[in-house]
């Protein structure tokens, strides 16, 4: 049960960042990662979302240089 709670908290954090990341995706001309109706992501989905967030952060840094 703790793992489910941890995944829920990670999803909440990702949803809070979703608007900013969507705008960044539009600027970079890359598709946004849509969280859609995901209520409790599995480990694979969570890993994919986190990897997408990391990629976007790196792109944002390189874009500002």
N, C-alpha and C. Protein backbone atom coordinates (compact mmCIF):
# COMPACT_ATOMS: atom_id res chain seq x y z
N UNK A 1 0.82 -1.19 0.00
CA UNK A 1 0.00 0.00 0.00
C UNK A 1 0.87 1.26 0.00
N UNK A 2 2.01 1.22 0.64
CA UNK A 2 2.88 2.38 0.68
C UNK A 2 3.38 2.74 -0.72
N UNK A 3 3.65 1.73 -1.52
CA UNK A 3 4.15 1.99 -2.87
C UNK A 3 3.08 2.71 -3.69
N UNK A 4 1.83 2.31 -3.55
CA UNK A 4 0.74 2.97 -4.26
C UNK A 4 0.68 4.44 -3.84
N UNK A 5 0.79 4.71 -2.56
CA UNK A 5 0.75 6.08 -2.05
C UNK A 5 1.91 6.90 -2.62
N UNK A 6 3.07 6.29 -2.69
CA UNK A 6 4.25 6.97 -3.22
C UNK A 6 4.05 7.32 -4.70
N UNK A 7 3.50 6.38 -5.47
CA UNK A 7 3.22 6.63 -6.89
C UNK A 7 2.18 7.73 -7.06
N UNK A 8 1.17 7.74 -6.18
CA UNK A 8 0.14 8.79 -6.22
C UNK A 8 0.76 10.16 -5.96
N UNK A 9 1.67 10.23 -5.00
CA UNK A 9 2.33 11.50 -4.69
C UNK A 9 3.20 11.96 -5.86
N UNK A 10 3.91 11.03 -6.50
CA UNK A 10 4.71 11.38 -7.67
C UNK A 10 3.83 11.88 -8.80
N UNK A 11 2.70 11.24 -9.01
CA UNK A 11 1.77 11.66 -10.05
C UNK A 11 1.25 13.06 -9.76
N UNK A 12 0.91 13.34 -8.52
CA UNK A 12 0.43 14.67 -8.14
C UNK A 12 1.48 15.72 -8.47
N UNK A 13 2.72 15.44 -8.14
CA UNK A 13 3.81 16.36 -8.43
C UNK A 13 3.95 16.59 -9.94
N UNK A 14 3.86 15.52 -10.70
CA UNK A 14 3.97 15.63 -12.16
C UNK A 14 2.80 16.42 -12.75
N UNK A 15 1.61 16.22 -12.22
CA UNK A 15 0.44 16.97 -12.70
C UNK A 15 0.60 18.46 -12.44
N UNK A 16 1.21 18.81 -11.32
CA UNK A 16 1.43 20.22 -11.00
C UNK A 16 2.39 20.88 -11.99
N UNK A 17 3.30 20.11 -12.54
CA UNK A 17 4.28 20.62 -13.50
C UNK A 17 3.78 20.53 -14.94
N UNK A 18 2.66 19.85 -15.15
CA UNK A 18 2.18 19.53 -16.49
C UNK A 18 1.94 20.78 -17.35
N UNK A 19 1.35 21.82 -16.81
CA UNK A 19 1.04 23.02 -17.60
C UNK A 19 2.33 23.65 -18.11
N UNK A 20 3.30 23.81 -17.23
CA UNK A 20 4.57 24.42 -17.64
C UNK A 20 5.26 23.55 -18.69
N UNK A 21 5.23 22.26 -18.51
CA UNK A 21 5.88 21.36 -19.45
C UNK A 21 5.16 21.34 -20.80
N UNK A 22 3.85 21.47 -20.79
CA UNK A 22 3.10 21.50 -22.05
C UNK A 22 3.51 22.72 -22.87
N UNK A 23 3.66 23.85 -22.21
CA UNK A 23 4.10 25.07 -22.91
C UNK A 23 5.51 24.89 -23.46
N UNK A 24 6.38 24.27 -22.69
CA UNK A 24 7.74 24.02 -23.15
C UNK A 24 7.73 23.08 -24.35
N UNK A 25 6.91 22.06 -24.31
CA UNK A 25 6.80 21.12 -25.44
C UNK A 25 6.36 21.85 -26.71
N UNK A 26 5.43 22.79 -26.55
CA UNK A 26 4.98 23.56 -27.71
C UNK A 26 6.13 24.37 -28.29
N UNK A 27 6.94 24.98 -27.44
CA UNK A 27 8.08 25.77 -27.92
C UNK A 27 9.12 24.89 -28.59
N UNK A 28 9.31 23.67 -28.07
CA UNK A 28 10.31 22.77 -28.62
C UNK A 28 9.78 21.94 -29.78
N UNK A 29 8.49 22.08 -30.06
CA UNK A 29 7.83 21.30 -31.13
C UNK A 29 7.95 19.80 -30.91
N UNK A 30 7.74 19.38 -29.67
CA UNK A 30 7.71 17.96 -29.33
C UNK A 30 6.36 17.65 -28.69
N UNK A 31 5.88 16.44 -28.83
CA UNK A 31 4.58 16.11 -28.23
C UNK A 31 4.66 16.11 -26.71
N UNK A 32 3.63 16.64 -26.10
CA UNK A 32 3.54 16.67 -24.64
C UNK A 32 3.15 15.29 -24.13
N UNK A 33 3.63 14.96 -22.97
CA UNK A 33 3.27 13.71 -22.33
C UNK A 33 1.92 13.93 -21.64
N UNK A 34 0.90 13.26 -22.10
CA UNK A 34 -0.44 13.45 -21.59
C UNK A 34 -0.71 12.49 -20.43
N UNK A 35 -0.99 13.05 -19.27
CA UNK A 35 -1.28 12.21 -18.11
C UNK A 35 -2.71 11.69 -18.16
N UNK A 36 -3.56 12.37 -18.89
CA UNK A 36 -4.92 11.91 -19.13
C UNK A 36 -5.65 11.44 -17.90
N UNK A 37 -6.21 10.26 -17.99
CA UNK A 37 -7.05 9.71 -16.92
C UNK A 37 -6.28 8.79 -15.98
N UNK A 38 -4.97 8.89 -15.97
CA UNK A 38 -4.18 8.03 -15.11
C UNK A 38 -4.49 8.38 -13.66
N UNK A 39 -4.99 7.41 -12.90
CA UNK A 39 -5.29 7.68 -11.50
C UNK A 39 -4.15 7.19 -10.61
N UNK A 40 -3.65 6.01 -10.89
CA UNK A 40 -2.49 5.48 -10.18
C UNK A 40 -1.57 4.85 -11.22
N UNK A 41 -0.47 5.54 -11.54
CA UNK A 41 0.41 5.01 -12.58
C UNK A 41 1.15 3.77 -12.11
N UNK A 42 1.40 2.84 -13.04
CA UNK A 42 2.24 1.70 -12.67
C UNK A 42 3.69 2.16 -12.71
N UNK A 43 4.60 1.31 -12.31
CA UNK A 43 6.01 1.70 -12.24
C UNK A 43 6.54 2.14 -13.59
N UNK A 44 6.16 1.44 -14.64
CA UNK A 44 6.63 1.76 -15.99
C UNK A 44 6.14 3.13 -16.44
N UNK A 45 4.86 3.42 -16.21
CA UNK A 45 4.31 4.71 -16.58
C UNK A 45 4.99 5.84 -15.81
N UNK A 46 5.20 5.62 -14.54
CA UNK A 46 5.84 6.63 -13.70
C UNK A 46 7.27 6.89 -14.16
N UNK A 47 7.97 5.82 -14.48
CA UNK A 47 9.34 5.96 -14.97
C UNK A 47 9.37 6.75 -16.29
N UNK A 48 8.43 6.47 -17.16
CA UNK A 48 8.34 7.18 -18.44
C UNK A 48 8.04 8.66 -18.23
N UNK A 49 7.13 8.97 -17.34
CA UNK A 49 6.80 10.36 -17.04
C UNK A 49 7.99 11.11 -16.46
N UNK A 50 8.70 10.46 -15.56
CA UNK A 50 9.87 11.09 -14.94
C UNK A 50 10.98 11.30 -15.97
N UNK A 51 11.16 10.34 -16.87
CA UNK A 51 12.18 10.48 -17.91
C UNK A 51 11.82 11.63 -18.85
N UNK A 52 10.55 11.78 -19.17
CA UNK A 52 10.10 12.87 -20.02
C UNK A 52 10.36 14.21 -19.34
N UNK A 53 10.07 14.29 -18.06
CA UNK A 53 10.32 15.52 -17.31
C UNK A 53 11.81 15.87 -17.31
N UNK A 54 12.64 14.88 -17.09
CA UNK A 54 14.09 15.11 -17.08
C UNK A 54 14.56 15.60 -18.45
N UNK A 55 14.07 14.99 -19.51
CA UNK A 55 14.43 15.40 -20.87
C UNK A 55 14.04 16.86 -21.12
N UNK A 56 12.83 17.22 -20.73
CA UNK A 56 12.36 18.58 -20.95
C UNK A 56 13.19 19.59 -20.16
N UNK A 57 13.58 19.24 -18.96
CA UNK A 57 14.41 20.13 -18.16
C UNK A 57 15.76 20.35 -18.84
N UNK A 58 16.34 19.29 -19.36
CA UNK A 58 17.63 19.41 -20.06
C UNK A 58 17.49 20.27 -21.31
N UNK A 59 16.41 20.07 -22.05
CA UNK A 59 16.17 20.86 -23.26
C UNK A 59 15.96 22.33 -22.93
N UNK A 60 15.27 22.58 -21.83
CA UNK A 60 15.03 23.96 -21.43
C UNK A 60 16.35 24.65 -21.08
N UNK A 61 17.23 23.95 -20.39
CA UNK A 61 18.53 24.50 -20.03
C UNK A 61 19.35 24.77 -21.28
N UNK A 62 19.38 23.83 -22.21
CA UNK A 62 20.17 24.02 -23.42
C UNK A 62 19.56 25.10 -24.30
N UNK A 63 18.27 25.31 -24.23
CA UNK A 63 17.60 26.36 -25.02
C UNK A 63 17.96 27.74 -24.50
N UNK A 64 18.20 27.86 -23.20
CA UNK A 64 18.51 29.17 -22.61
C UNK A 64 19.97 29.55 -22.77
N UNK A 65 20.80 28.63 -23.21
CA UNK A 65 22.24 28.92 -23.38
C UNK A 65 22.49 29.66 -24.67
